[in-house]
Amino acid sequence: MRFGQAPNKRTQDGYKERWLCRECEQRLNVWETQFATQIFHPINEDGGAKVLYGDWLLKFCASVSWRTLLMMKEREYLQDFSAAQREAVDEALKAWSAFLLDKLPHPGRFEQHMIVFDAVDAGATTLQDLPPNFNRYILRTVDLDAVRSESIAFVLSKMGKFFIVGFIDTSNPRQWKGTKINANTGAVNGSSYTLPRQFGQYLIGEARRFAEVYAKISDTQRDRMDETMWRDIDRVARSGTFAAMRHDVQMAGNAAFDIHRRKGRPK
C-alpha cells in the first residue's frame, strides 16, 4: 500500500493507534473475522453473490466507523466541519462506542451503510465525465475520509470495493436506498442501490485525486513495481487489479494508461 502523503514509500499496514484494551481488541476481532469469512472473501470471489448477515455486521461497521472518525478527530482532519457537525461527531462517537459495548440496542440516527461496487460501464451509468481510472479507484484502493456539505456529514472507510459509510449528520437519509445495515439480519449484494448524485460526484473527485497521487510516484519506485509485476506476470494477469484495469480500458481506451506513463514519455 502507498499513502497519499508519501506515495514513494510502500507500507504493509494502515494507521495504528493504541486505543483499546485486550478485551475490546478481542471483541472487535470476532466481528472482523465474520466479515472477512462471510462477506469480504465470498463477494470478492463471486461479485454477484448475495450474502446473508446477522447482527454482527452492524457491530463490525460501527467499529470501523468509530475508529476512522476518532482518528480523523484526533489528527484534526475535521477543521472544515461546522460547529454543529463537530458536536454531532462527538455524539456519533459516543453512540457507536455505547453500541459496541452493548449499552445501546442500535446506533440510532448514526446509521451504518455498506455499498459493494462492481465494475462500472460508461454506457450503463448516469454519471458523467468519469475519469479513466475510475474502476481502479472504486474496486482496488483503500481510503479513509470524513466528508461534509451543508446537508450531510459522514465518515467513509473503503476496503477495495467495500464502502462503509457512517452517518454523522444528514437531513435526508432516505436518499440512500438498499445500503443501510440492519440491527438484526439482512443481505449484502450490489444490485439494488439508490445513492445521492452528490456521492457519485464525490467518487469521481476521489478517483482524480488518486490519479494525482499516483503521478507523484518516482521512476525508481515505478521500476520496482515493474520488477515485482514481471516476476510473476501470470499471477498479475489473474489479479483483481488487472481486471479493474481491463474495465477502465474498455471504458476509456488508451486514456486508461495515462497515470502509468512516466514524466516526459510520449503517449
C-alpha atoms as a PDB file:
ATOM      1  CA  MET A   1       0.000   0.000   0.000  1.00  0.00           C
ATOM      2  CA  ARG A   2       1.012   3.613  -0.570  1.00  0.00           C
ATOM      3  CA  PHE A   3      -0.417   6.636   1.237  1.00  0.00           C
ATOM      4  CA  GLY A   4      -1.108   9.959  -0.446  1.00  0.00           C
ATOM      5  CA  GLN A   5       1.190  11.872   1.899  1.00  0.00           C
ATOM      6  CA  ALA A   6       4.180   9.689   0.901  1.00  0.00           C
ATOM      7  CA  PRO A   7       3.455   7.855  -2.380  1.00  0.00           C
ATOM      8  CA  ASN A   8       7.073   6.763  -2.812  1.00  0.00           C
ATOM      9  CA  LYS A   9       7.020   4.702   0.387  1.00  0.00           C
ATOM     10  CA  ARG A  10       5.447   1.257   0.425  1.00  0.00           C
ATOM     11  CA  THR A  11       3.811   0.071   3.652  1.00  0.00           C
ATOM     12  CA  GLN A  12       2.400  -3.246   4.801  1.00  0.00           C
ATOM     13  CA  ASP A  13      -0.314  -1.912   7.077  1.00  0.00           C
ATOM     14  CA  GLY A  14      -2.575   1.053   7.767  1.00  0.00           C
ATOM     15  CA  TYR A  15      -2.760   3.512  10.668  1.00  0.00           C
ATOM     16  CA  LYS A  16      -2.181   2.143  14.165  1.00  0.00           C
ATOM     17  CA  GLU A  17      -3.377   3.769  17.379  1.00  0.00           C
ATOM     18  CA  ARG A  18      -3.190   2.408  20.919  1.00  0.00           C
ATOM     19  CA  TRP A  19      -6.813   2.907  21.931  1.00  0.00           C
ATOM     20  CA  LEU A  20      -8.116  -0.493  23.007  1.00  0.00           C
ATOM     21  CA  CYS A  21      -7.581  -2.923  25.839  1.00  0.00           C
ATOM     22  CA  ARG A  22      -7.104  -6.630  25.141  1.00  0.00           C
ATOM     23  CA  GLU A  23     -10.771  -7.399  25.864  1.00  0.00           C
ATOM     24  CA  CYS A  24     -12.017  -4.817  23.354  1.00  0.00           C
ATOM     25  CA  GLU A  25      -9.473  -5.945  20.751  1.00  0.00           C
ATOM     26  CA  GLN A  26     -10.865  -9.459  21.044  1.00  0.00           C
ATOM     27  CA  ARG A  27     -14.427  -8.142  20.850  1.00  0.00           C
ATOM     28  CA  LEU A  28     -13.679  -6.348  17.552  1.00  0.00           C
ATOM     29  CA  ASN A  29     -11.692  -9.285  16.201  1.00  0.00           C
ATOM     30  CA  VAL A  30     -14.767 -11.549  16.340  1.00  0.00           C
ATOM     31  CA  TRP A  31     -16.728  -9.213  14.034  1.00  0.00           C
ATOM     32  CA  GLU A  32     -13.714  -8.654  11.760  1.00  0.00           C
ATOM     33  CA  THR A  33     -13.308 -12.404  11.291  1.00  0.00           C
ATOM     34  CA  GLN A  34     -17.005 -12.838  10.489  1.00  0.00           C
ATOM     35  CA  PHE A  35     -16.866 -10.023   7.935  1.00  0.00           C
ATOM     36  CA  ALA A  36     -13.760 -11.492   6.273  1.00  0.00           C
ATOM     37  CA  THR A  37     -15.028 -15.063   6.055  1.00  0.00           C
ATOM     38  CA  GLN A  38     -18.724 -14.460   5.370  1.00  0.00           C
ATOM     39  CA  ILE A  39     -18.726 -11.314   3.207  1.00  0.00           C
ATOM     40  CA  PHE A  40     -15.341  -9.981   2.067  1.00  0.00           C
ATOM     41  CA  HIS A  41     -13.848 -13.141   0.592  1.00  0.00           C
ATOM     42  CA  PRO A  42     -17.087 -14.666  -0.803  1.00  0.00           C
ATOM     43  CA  ILE A  43     -18.070 -11.457  -2.637  1.00  0.00           C
ATOM     44  CA  ASN A  44     -14.542 -10.862  -3.925  1.00  0.00           C
ATOM     45  CA  GLU A  45     -14.581 -14.382  -5.347  1.00  0.00           C
ATOM     46  CA  ASP A  46     -18.107 -14.073  -6.772  1.00  0.00           C
ATOM     47  CA  GLY A  47     -19.161 -10.478  -7.390  1.00  0.00           C
ATOM     48  CA  GLY A  48     -22.788 -11.460  -7.958  1.00  0.00           C
ATOM     49  CA  ALA A  49     -23.172 -13.293  -4.671  1.00  0.00           C
ATOM     50  CA  LYS A  50     -25.961 -12.340  -2.274  1.00  0.00           C
ATOM     51  CA  VAL A  51     -24.699 -12.868   1.261  1.00  0.00           C
ATOM     52  CA  LEU A  52     -26.882 -13.040   4.357  1.00  0.00           C
ATOM     53  CA  TYR A  53     -25.664 -11.463   7.593  1.00  0.00           C
ATOM     54  CA  GLY A  54     -26.586 -11.419  11.261  1.00  0.00           C
ATOM     55  CA  ASP A  55     -26.473  -8.768  13.977  1.00  0.00           C
ATOM     56  CA  TRP A  56     -22.655  -8.896  13.958  1.00  0.00           C
ATOM     57  CA  LEU A  57     -22.380  -6.877  10.695  1.00  0.00           C
ATOM     58  CA  LEU A  58     -23.765  -3.684  12.232  1.00  0.00           C
ATOM     59  CA  LYS A  59     -21.243  -4.130  15.057  1.00  0.00           C
ATOM     60  CA  PHE A  60     -18.408  -4.530  12.571  1.00  0.00           C
ATOM     61  CA  CYS A  61     -19.415  -1.465  10.539  1.00  0.00           C
ATOM     62  CA  ALA A  62     -19.858   0.683  13.649  1.00  0.00           C
ATOM     63  CA  SER A  63     -16.433  -0.402  14.919  1.00  0.00           C
ATOM     64  CA  VAL A  64     -14.823   0.624  11.624  1.00  0.00           C
ATOM     65  CA  SER A  65     -16.620   3.984  11.509  1.00  0.00           C
ATOM     66  CA  TRP A  66     -15.789   4.660  15.164  1.00  0.00           C
ATOM     67  CA  ARG A  67     -12.066   4.066  14.592  1.00  0.00           C
ATOM     68  CA  THR A  68     -11.948   6.094  11.377  1.00  0.00           C
ATOM     69  CA  LEU A  69     -13.823   9.066  12.854  1.00  0.00           C
ATOM     70  CA  LEU A  70     -11.803   9.056  16.083  1.00  0.00           C
ATOM     71  CA  MET A  71      -8.581   9.058  14.065  1.00  0.00           C
ATOM     72  CA  MET A  72      -9.868  11.945  11.937  1.00  0.00           C
ATOM     73  CA  LYS A  73     -10.802  13.914  15.053  1.00  0.00           C
ATOM     74  CA  GLU A  74      -7.534  13.299  16.915  1.00  0.00           C
ATOM     75  CA  ARG A  75      -5.455  14.252  13.859  1.00  0.00           C
ATOM     76  CA  GLU A  76      -7.545  17.415  13.405  1.00  0.00           C
ATOM     77  CA  TYR A  77      -8.823  16.491   9.953  1.00  0.00           C
ATOM     78  CA  LEU A  78     -12.298  17.914  10.673  1.00  0.00           C
ATOM     79  CA  GLN A  79     -11.472  21.606  10.506  1.00  0.00           C
ATOM     80  CA  ASP A  80     -13.964  22.238   7.702  1.00  0.00           C
ATOM     81  CA  PHE A  81     -16.860  20.766   9.713  1.00  0.00           C
ATOM     82  CA  SER A  82     -19.333  23.297  11.073  1.00  0.00           C
ATOM     83  CA  ALA A  83     -19.725  23.781  14.826  1.00  0.00           C
ATOM     84  CA  ALA A  84     -22.974  21.796  14.753  1.00  0.00           C
ATOM     85  CA  GLN A  85     -21.333  18.999  12.782  1.00  0.00           C
ATOM     86  CA  ARG A  86     -18.413  18.826  15.216  1.00  0.00           C
ATOM     87  CA  GLU A  87     -20.940  18.421  18.033  1.00  0.00           C
ATOM     88  CA  ALA A  88     -22.567  15.633  16.016  1.00  0.00           C
ATOM     89  CA  VAL A  89     -19.126  13.998  15.654  1.00  0.00           C
ATOM     90  CA  ASP A  90     -18.847  13.718  19.444  1.00  0.00           C
ATOM     91  CA  GLU A  91     -22.389  12.384  19.676  1.00  0.00           C
ATOM     92  CA  ALA A  92     -21.710   9.795  16.955  1.00  0.00           C
ATOM     93  CA  LEU A  93     -18.533   8.595  18.665  1.00  0.00           C
ATOM     94  CA  LYS A  94     -20.397   8.194  21.962  1.00  0.00           C
ATOM     95  CA  ALA A  95     -23.322   6.371  20.340  1.00  0.00           C
ATOM     96  CA  TRP A  96     -21.097   3.970  18.379  1.00  0.00           C
ATOM     97  CA  SER A  97     -18.963   3.273  21.448  1.00  0.00           C
ATOM     98  CA  ALA A  98     -22.017   2.564  23.615  1.00  0.00           C
ATOM     99  CA  PHE A  99     -23.480   0.318  20.903  1.00  0.00           C
ATOM    100  CA  LEU A 100     -20.245  -1.660  20.614  1.00  0.00           C
ATOM    101  CA  LEU A 101     -20.252  -2.191  24.395  1.00  0.00           C
ATOM    102  CA  ASP A 102     -23.903  -3.381  24.326  1.00  0.00           C
ATOM    103  CA  LYS A 103     -25.094  -0.285  26.182  1.00  0.00           C
ATOM    104  CA  LEU A 104     -27.391   0.680  23.283  1.00  0.00           C
ATOM    105  CA  PRO A 105     -29.501  -1.668  21.124  1.00  0.00           C
ATOM    106  CA  HIS A 106     -28.614   0.250  17.924  1.00  0.00           C
ATOM    107  CA  PRO A 107     -26.736   3.417  16.876  1.00  0.00           C
ATOM    108  CA  GLY A 108     -29.909   5.459  16.375  1.00  0.00           C
ATOM    109  CA  ARG A 109     -29.606   8.234  13.785  1.00  0.00           C
ATOM    110  CA  PHE A 110     -25.902   7.490  13.343  1.00  0.00           C
ATOM    111  CA  GLU A 111     -26.666   4.779  10.818  1.00  0.00           C
ATOM    112  CA  GLN A 112     -24.210   2.435   9.125  1.00  0.00           C
ATOM    113  CA  HIS A 113     -24.436   1.839   5.389  1.00  0.00           C
ATOM    114  CA  MET A 114     -22.480  -0.545   3.170  1.00  0.00           C
ATOM    115  CA  ILE A 115     -22.047  -0.256  -0.584  1.00  0.00           C
ATOM    116  CA  VAL A 116     -20.413  -3.020  -2.617  1.00  0.00           C
ATOM    117  CA  PHE A 117     -19.409  -1.798  -6.052  1.00  0.00           C
ATOM    118  CA  ASP A 118     -18.888  -3.783  -9.209  1.00  0.00           C
ATOM    119  CA  ALA A 119     -17.133  -2.572 -12.352  1.00  0.00           C
ATOM    120  CA  VAL A 120     -18.714   0.484 -13.966  1.00  0.00           C
ATOM    121  CA  ASP A 121     -19.551   0.566 -17.656  1.00  0.00           C
ATOM    122  CA  ALA A 122     -19.662   4.116 -19.030  1.00  0.00           C
ATOM    123  CA  GLY A 123     -22.686   3.201 -21.149  1.00  0.00           C
ATOM    124  CA  ALA A 124     -24.673   1.885 -18.183  1.00  0.00           C
ATOM    125  CA  THR A 125     -24.305   4.692 -15.638  1.00  0.00           C
ATOM    126  CA  THR A 126     -25.837   8.136 -15.254  1.00  0.00           C
ATOM    127  CA  LEU A 127     -22.514   9.576 -14.050  1.00  0.00           C
ATOM    128  CA  GLN A 128     -20.827  11.919 -16.497  1.00  0.00           C
ATOM    129  CA  ASP A 129     -17.129  12.575 -17.248  1.00  0.00           C
ATOM    130  CA  LEU A 130     -15.820   9.501 -15.471  1.00  0.00           C
ATOM    131  CA  PRO A 131     -12.023   9.642 -15.077  1.00  0.00           C
ATOM    132  CA  PRO A 132     -10.150   6.883 -16.952  1.00  0.00           C
ATOM    133  CA  ASN A 133      -9.005   5.249 -13.689  1.00  0.00           C
ATOM    134  CA  PHE A 134     -12.483   5.128 -12.118  1.00  0.00           C
ATOM    135  CA  ASN A 135     -12.753   1.327 -11.878  1.00  0.00           C
ATOM    136  CA  ARG A 136      -9.306   1.005 -10.360  1.00  0.00           C
ATOM    137  CA  TYR A 137     -10.277   3.530  -7.715  1.00  0.00           C
ATOM    138  CA  ILE A 138     -13.662   2.076  -6.735  1.00  0.00           C
ATOM    139  CA  LEU A 139     -12.558  -1.577  -6.915  1.00  0.00           C
ATOM    140  CA  ARG A 140      -8.963  -1.662  -5.681  1.00  0.00           C
ATOM    141  CA  THR A 141      -7.975   1.236  -3.444  1.00  0.00           C
ATOM    142  CA  VAL A 142      -8.071   1.625   0.341  1.00  0.00           C
ATOM    143  CA  ASP A 143      -9.317   5.012   1.533  1.00  0.00           C
ATOM    144  CA  LEU A 144     -10.470   6.815   4.685  1.00  0.00           C
ATOM    145  CA  ASP A 145     -12.276  10.138   4.682  1.00  0.00           C
ATOM    146  CA  ALA A 146     -14.606  12.419   6.611  1.00  0.00           C
ATOM    147  CA  VAL A 147     -16.997  14.172   4.239  1.00  0.00           C
ATOM    148  CA  ARG A 148     -19.310  17.108   4.805  1.00  0.00           C
ATOM    149  CA  SER A 149     -21.580  19.523   2.978  1.00  0.00           C
ATOM    150  CA  GLU A 150     -24.314  21.844   4.175  1.00  0.00           C
ATOM    151  CA  SER A 151     -26.791  18.961   4.311  1.00  0.00           C
ATOM    152  CA  ILE A 152     -24.738  15.881   5.265  1.00  0.00           C
ATOM    153  CA  ALA A 153     -21.669  14.688   7.136  1.00  0.00           C
ATOM    154  CA  PHE A 154     -20.364  11.134   7.161  1.00  0.00           C
ATOM    155  CA  VAL A 155     -17.222   9.121   7.672  1.00  0.00           C
ATOM    156  CA  LEU A 156     -16.163   6.773   4.886  1.00  0.00           C
ATOM    157  CA  SER A 157     -13.986   3.661   5.209  1.00  0.00           C
ATOM    158  CA  LYS A 158     -13.144   1.999   1.889  1.00  0.00           C
ATOM    159  CA  MET A 159     -11.651  -1.500   1.601  1.00  0.00           C
ATOM    160  CA  GLY A 160     -11.412  -2.235  -2.088  1.00  0.00           C
ATOM    161  CA  LYS A 161     -14.954  -2.490  -3.475  1.00  0.00           C
ATOM    162  CA  PHE A 162     -16.491  -2.347   0.029  1.00  0.00           C
ATOM    163  CA  PHE A 163     -17.534   1.124   1.219  1.00  0.00           C
ATOM    164  CA  ILE A 164     -18.679   1.610   4.818  1.00  0.00           C
ATOM    165  CA  VAL A 165     -20.468   4.924   5.420  1.00  0.00           C
ATOM    166  CA  GLY A 166     -21.180   6.044   8.977  1.00  0.00           C
ATOM    167  CA  PHE A 167     -23.727   8.871   9.138  1.00  0.00           C
ATOM    168  CA  ILE A 168     -22.776  11.754  11.398  1.00  0.00           C
ATOM    169  CA  ASP A 169     -25.466  14.215  10.336  1.00  0.00           C
ATOM    170  CA  THR A 170     -27.892  14.100   7.426  1.00  0.00           C
ATOM    171  CA  SER A 171     -31.133  15.860   6.594  1.00  0.00           C
ATOM    172  CA  ASN A 172     -32.323  13.249   4.087  1.00  0.00           C
ATOM    173  CA  PRO A 173     -31.227   9.667   4.857  1.00  0.00           C
ATOM    174  CA  ARG A 174     -33.948   8.309   2.529  1.00  0.00           C
ATOM    175  CA  GLN A 175     -31.781   9.271  -0.452  1.00  0.00           C
ATOM    176  CA  TRP A 176     -29.705   6.184   0.415  1.00  0.00           C
ATOM    177  CA  LYS A 177     -31.735   3.118  -0.541  1.00  0.00           C
ATOM    178  CA  GLY A 178     -30.622  -0.503  -0.269  1.00  0.00           C
ATOM    179  CA  THR A 179     -27.460   0.337   1.681  1.00  0.00           C
ATOM    180  CA  LYS A 180     -28.474   0.531   5.353  1.00  0.00           C
ATOM    181  CA  ILE A 181     -27.181  -2.246   7.619  1.00  0.00           C
ATOM    182  CA  ASN A 182     -29.941  -3.573   9.856  1.00  0.00           C
ATOM    183  CA  ALA A 183     -29.555  -4.257  13.554  1.00  0.00           C
ATOM    184  CA  ASN A 184     -30.638  -7.894  13.200  1.00  0.00           C
ATOM    185  CA  THR A 185     -30.439  -9.614   9.803  1.00  0.00           C
ATOM    186  CA  GLY A 186     -30.259  -8.711   6.144  1.00  0.00           C
ATOM    187  CA  ALA A 187     -28.415  -9.353   2.892  1.00  0.00           C
ATOM    188  CA  VAL A 188     -25.472  -7.714   1.163  1.00  0.00           C
ATOM    189  CA  ASN A 189     -25.416  -7.508  -2.618  1.00  0.00           C
ATOM    190  CA  GLY A 190     -24.553  -4.900  -5.229  1.00  0.00           C
ATOM    191  CA  SER A 191     -27.623  -4.987  -7.421  1.00  0.00           C
ATOM    192  CA  SER A 192     -30.159  -2.543  -5.977  1.00  0.00           C
ATOM    193  CA  TYR A 193     -28.719   0.711  -4.635  1.00  0.00           C
ATOM    194  CA  THR A 194     -30.031   4.238  -4.962  1.00  0.00           C
ATOM    195  CA  LEU A 195     -27.439   6.840  -3.968  1.00  0.00           C
ATOM    196  CA  PRO A 196     -27.407  10.651  -3.951  1.00  0.00           C
ATOM    197  CA  ARG A 197     -25.905  12.110  -7.121  1.00  0.00           C
ATOM    198  CA  GLN A 198     -23.518  14.116  -4.941  1.00  0.00           C
ATOM    199  CA  PHE A 199     -21.969  10.862  -3.720  1.00  0.00           C
ATOM    200  CA  GLY A 200     -21.207   9.890  -7.307  1.00  0.00           C
ATOM    201  CA  GLN A 201     -19.529  13.251  -7.861  1.00  0.00           C
ATOM    202  CA  TYR A 202     -17.529  12.710  -4.689  1.00  0.00           C
ATOM    203  CA  LEU A 203     -16.267   9.354  -6.008  1.00  0.00           C
ATOM    204  CA  ILE A 204     -15.245  10.964  -9.290  1.00  0.00           C
ATOM    205  CA  GLY A 205     -13.245  13.577  -7.373  1.00  0.00           C
ATOM    206  CA  GLU A 206     -11.547  10.899  -5.268  1.00  0.00           C
ATOM    207  CA  ALA A 207     -10.580   8.907  -8.381  1.00  0.00           C
ATOM    208  CA  ARG A 208      -8.965  12.018  -9.833  1.00  0.00           C
ATOM    209  CA  ARG A 209      -7.124  12.650  -6.576  1.00  0.00           C
ATOM    210  CA  PHE A 210      -5.856   9.060  -6.626  1.00  0.00           C
ATOM    211  CA  ALA A 211      -4.507   9.638 -10.159  1.00  0.00           C
ATOM    212  CA  GLU A 212      -2.701  12.770  -8.964  1.00  0.00           C
ATOM    213  CA  VAL A 213      -1.079  10.829  -6.117  1.00  0.00           C
ATOM    214  CA  TYR A 214      -0.041   8.019  -8.464  1.00  0.00           C
ATOM    215  CA  ALA A 215       1.550  10.548 -10.806  1.00  0.00           C
ATOM    216  CA  LYS A 216       3.909  11.582  -7.972  1.00  0.00           C
ATOM    217  CA  ILE A 217       5.472   8.126  -7.710  1.00  0.00           C
ATOM    218  CA  SER A 218       9.138   8.349  -8.692  1.00  0.00           C
ATOM    219  CA  ASP A 219      10.718   6.475 -11.605  1.00  0.00           C
ATOM    220  CA  THR A 220      12.731   4.436  -9.099  1.00  0.00           C
ATOM    221  CA  GLN A 221       9.574   3.217  -7.405  1.00  0.00           C
ATOM    222  CA  ARG A 222       7.934   2.535 -10.761  1.00  0.00           C
ATOM    223  CA  ASP A 223      10.924   0.366 -11.714  1.00  0.00           C
ATOM    224  CA  ARG A 224      10.467  -1.631  -8.505  1.00  0.00           C
ATOM    225  CA  MET A 225       6.759  -2.026  -9.197  1.00  0.00           C
ATOM    226  CA  ASP A 226       7.503  -3.226 -12.741  1.00  0.00           C
ATOM    227  CA  GLU A 227      10.080  -5.683 -11.423  1.00  0.00           C
ATOM    228  CA  THR A 228       7.579  -7.117  -8.958  1.00  0.00           C
ATOM    229  CA  MET A 229       4.929  -7.405 -11.668  1.00  0.00           C
ATOM    230  CA  TRP A 230       7.165  -9.182 -14.194  1.00  0.00           C
ATOM    231  CA  ARG A 231       8.435 -11.583 -11.541  1.00  0.00           C
ATOM    232  CA  ASP A 232       5.030 -13.317 -11.594  1.00  0.00           C
ATOM    233  CA  ILE A 233       3.187 -11.978 -14.614  1.00  0.00           C
ATOM    234  CA  ASP A 234       0.725 -14.908 -14.670  1.00  0.00           C
ATOM    235  CA  ARG A 235      -0.441 -14.044 -11.160  1.00  0.00           C
ATOM    236  CA  VAL A 236      -0.833 -10.400 -12.174  1.00  0.00           C
ATOM    237  CA  ALA A 237      -2.989 -11.433 -15.143  1.00  0.00           C
ATOM    238  CA  ARG A 238      -5.356 -13.255 -12.763  1.00  0.00           C
ATOM    239  CA  SER A 239      -5.496 -10.414 -10.231  1.00  0.00           C
ATOM    240  CA  GLY A 240      -8.329  -8.069  -9.418  1.00  0.00           C
ATOM    241  CA  THR A 241      -6.103  -5.112 -10.259  1.00  0.00           C
ATOM    242  CA  PHE A 242      -5.635  -6.359 -13.810  1.00  0.00           C
ATOM    243  CA  ALA A 243      -9.390  -6.951 -14.124  1.00  0.00           C
ATOM    244  CA  ALA A 244     -10.099  -3.387 -12.951  1.00  0.00           C
ATOM    245  CA  MET A 245      -7.555  -2.068 -15.435  1.00  0.00           C
ATOM    246  CA  ARG A 246      -9.256  -4.027 -18.208  1.00  0.00           C
ATOM    247  CA  HIS A 247     -12.604  -2.433 -17.339  1.00  0.00           C
ATOM    248  CA  ASP A 248     -11.013   1.025 -17.459  1.00  0.00           C
ATOM    249  CA  VAL A 249      -9.527   0.293 -20.885  1.00  0.00           C
ATOM    250  CA  GLN A 250     -12.926  -0.851 -22.147  1.00  0.00           C
ATOM    251  CA  MET A 251     -14.476   2.338 -20.772  1.00  0.00           C
ATOM    252  CA  ALA A 252     -11.804   4.931 -21.641  1.00  0.00           C
ATOM    253  CA  GLY A 253      -9.490   3.360 -24.222  1.00  0.00           C
ATOM    254  CA  ASN A 254      -5.812   4.336 -24.194  1.00  0.00           C
ATOM    255  CA  ALA A 255      -6.508   7.151 -21.712  1.00  0.00           C
ATOM    256  CA  ALA A 256      -6.654   4.440 -19.033  1.00  0.00           C
ATOM    257  CA  PHE A 257      -2.858   4.152 -19.265  1.00  0.00           C
ATOM    258  CA  ASP A 258      -2.160   7.851 -18.674  1.00  0.00           C
ATOM    259  CA  ILE A 259      -1.429   7.646 -14.938  1.00  0.00           C
ATOM    260  CA  HIS A 260       1.113   4.889 -15.614  1.00  0.00           C
ATOM    261  CA  ARG A 261       3.146   6.927 -18.112  1.00  0.00           C
ATOM    262  CA  ARG A 262       6.361   8.393 -16.792  1.00  0.00           C
ATOM    263  CA  LYS A 263       7.079  12.074 -16.964  1.00  0.00           C
ATOM    264  CA  GLY A 264       8.454  13.138 -20.306  1.00  0.00           C
ATOM    265  CA  ARG A 265       7.479   9.895 -22.035  1.00  0.00           C
ATOM    266  CA  PRO A 266       5.456  10.307 -25.255  1.00  0.00           C
ATOM    267  CA  LYS A 267       1.882   8.985 -25.328  1.00  0.00           C
END
